Amino acid sequence: QVQFAESGGGLVQPGRSLRLSCAASGFTLDYYVIGWFRQAPGKEREGVSCIDVSDGTIDYADSVKGRFTVSVNNVKNTVYLQMNRLGPEDSAVYYCAPTCKSHEYEFWGQGTQVTVSS
């Protein structure tokens, strides 16, 4: 059974960093695309980044370019989202999924809450 477990969220002050984890089980990440998404209260889910694990191609939303970095640990079957210089606008529940397009996926997990506040 394919499952994703997001973790690493929390409450941080503006300007600080967090690293989120997306641990996959039931399949090997090596040949998949993995997207990070976020959803703030009252807003639609939006794409943050997407990595093609097979060739390392990564795309980022304009709002996070230069601040967020995606990486993969193939041994741990885990994708990470390093988030630096966080701001209140980054506050949301963050999710990962085996797609770059949120409308293509329906089995969303619980995500991990990120709150940026002083």
Protein backbone atom coordinates (compact mmCIF):
# COMPACT_ATOMS: atom_id res chain seq x y z
CA GLN A 1 0.00 0.00 0.00
CA VAL A 2 1.40 3.35 -1.06
CA GLN A 3 1.59 5.80 1.80
CA PHE A 4 3.21 9.11 2.57
CA ALA A 5 3.99 10.48 5.99
CA GLU A 6 4.72 14.17 6.27
CA SER A 7 6.51 15.49 9.33
CA GLY A 8 8.72 18.27 10.56
CA GLY A 9 6.28 21.12 10.80
CA GLY A 10 5.97 23.44 13.74
CA LEU A 11 5.82 27.00 14.98
CA VAL A 12 8.74 29.19 14.03
CA GLN A 13 9.55 32.87 14.02
CA PRO A 14 9.85 34.79 10.76
CA GLY A 15 13.25 34.40 9.19
CA ARG A 16 13.86 30.99 10.68
CA SER A 17 14.07 27.59 8.98
CA LEU A 18 12.34 24.23 9.03
CA ARG A 19 12.94 20.97 7.26
CA LEU A 20 9.96 18.88 6.30
CA SER A 21 10.12 15.18 5.57
CA CYS A 22 8.00 13.07 3.27
CA ALA A 23 8.57 9.40 4.02
CA ALA A 24 7.20 7.07 1.38
CA SER A 25 6.26 3.46 1.95
CA GLY A 26 4.87 0.77 -0.28
CA PHE A 27 6.94 1.81 -3.28
CA THR A 28 10.39 3.08 -4.20
CA LEU A 29 10.78 6.76 -4.88
CA ASP A 30 13.49 6.28 -7.48
CA TYR A 31 11.20 6.42 -10.50
CA TYR A 32 8.56 8.85 -9.38
CA VAL A 33 7.84 12.52 -9.21
CA ILE A 34 7.11 13.86 -5.77
CA GLY A 35 5.37 17.14 -5.25
CA TRP A 36 5.21 19.32 -2.18
CA PHE A 37 2.01 21.27 -1.76
CA ARG A 38 0.57 23.58 0.85
CA GLN A 39 -2.83 24.81 1.82
CA ALA A 40 -3.51 27.81 3.99
CA PRO A 41 -6.90 28.36 5.65
CA GLY A 42 -9.46 29.59 3.15
CA LYS A 43 -7.14 29.07 0.20
CA GLU A 44 -6.74 26.41 -2.43
CA ARG A 45 -3.96 23.89 -2.26
CA GLU A 46 -0.96 25.17 -4.18
CA GLY A 47 2.16 23.54 -5.52
CA VAL A 48 5.40 24.43 -3.78
CA SER A 49 7.88 22.23 -5.56
CA CYS A 50 8.18 19.08 -7.58
CA ILE A 51 11.07 16.72 -8.03
CA ASP A 52 11.50 14.02 -10.65
CA VAL A 53 13.50 11.60 -8.54
CA SER A 54 14.63 9.61 -11.59
CA ASP A 55 16.67 12.50 -13.04
CA GLY A 56 16.78 15.04 -10.24
CA THR A 57 14.84 17.72 -12.07
CA ILE A 58 13.26 20.12 -9.60
CA ASP A 59 10.77 22.91 -10.07
CA TYR A 60 9.81 25.51 -7.49
CA ALA A 61 6.95 27.92 -7.21
CA ASP A 62 8.08 31.51 -7.72
CA SER A 63 7.06 32.34 -4.18
CA VAL A 64 9.64 29.95 -2.70
CA LYS A 65 12.50 30.06 -5.21
CA GLY A 66 15.78 30.80 -3.51
CA ARG A 67 14.37 29.94 -0.09
CA PHE A 68 13.17 26.34 -0.34
CA THR A 69 15.25 23.36 -1.41
CA VAL A 70 14.14 19.82 -2.16
CA SER A 71 16.38 16.83 -1.61
CA VAL A 72 16.05 13.06 -1.61
CA ASN A 73 17.48 10.30 0.54
CA ASN A 74 16.98 7.20 -1.57
CA VAL A 75 18.12 4.89 1.22
CA LYS A 76 15.47 6.26 3.56
CA ASN A 77 12.95 6.60 0.71
CA THR A 78 12.32 10.12 1.91
CA VAL A 79 12.02 13.50 0.26
CA TYR A 80 12.88 16.61 2.22
CA LEU A 81 11.81 20.21 1.89
CA GLN A 82 14.30 22.60 3.46
CA MET A 83 12.57 25.91 4.07
CA ASN A 84 14.67 28.96 4.86
CA ARG A 85 13.80 32.60 5.55
CA LEU A 86 10.26 31.65 6.40
CA GLY A 87 7.60 34.31 6.48
CA PRO A 88 3.98 34.43 7.68
CA GLU A 89 2.88 33.82 4.09
CA ASP A 90 4.43 30.37 4.30
CA SER A 91 2.07 29.32 7.08
CA ALA A 92 0.00 26.37 5.84
CA VAL A 93 -0.45 22.64 6.04
CA TYR A 94 2.18 21.04 3.86
CA TYR A 95 1.58 17.82 1.95
CA CYS A 96 3.52 15.57 -0.37
CA ALA A 97 2.14 13.42 -3.14
CA PRO A 98 3.34 11.35 -6.10
CA THR A 99 2.42 14.05 -8.60
CA CYS A 100 3.25 17.60 -9.57
CA LYS A 101 -0.40 18.52 -10.04
CA SER A 102 -2.66 18.53 -7.02
CA HIS A 103 -5.84 17.91 -9.01
CA GLU A 104 -4.43 14.57 -10.15
CA TYR A 105 -4.28 13.19 -6.61
CA GLU A 106 -6.99 12.37 -4.14
CA PHE A 107 -5.38 10.33 -1.37
CA TRP A 108 -4.03 13.21 0.65
CA GLY A 109 -2.55 12.49 4.06
CA GLN A 110 -2.81 14.65 7.15
CA GLY A 111 0.09 16.84 6.16
CA THR A 112 2.24 18.77 8.57
CA GLN A 113 1.37 22.19 9.93
CA VAL A 114 3.81 25.05 9.50
CA THR A 115 3.09 28.25 11.36
CA VAL A 116 5.33 31.26 11.01
CA SER A 117 4.64 33.86 13.62
CA SER A 118 6.43 36.12 16.04
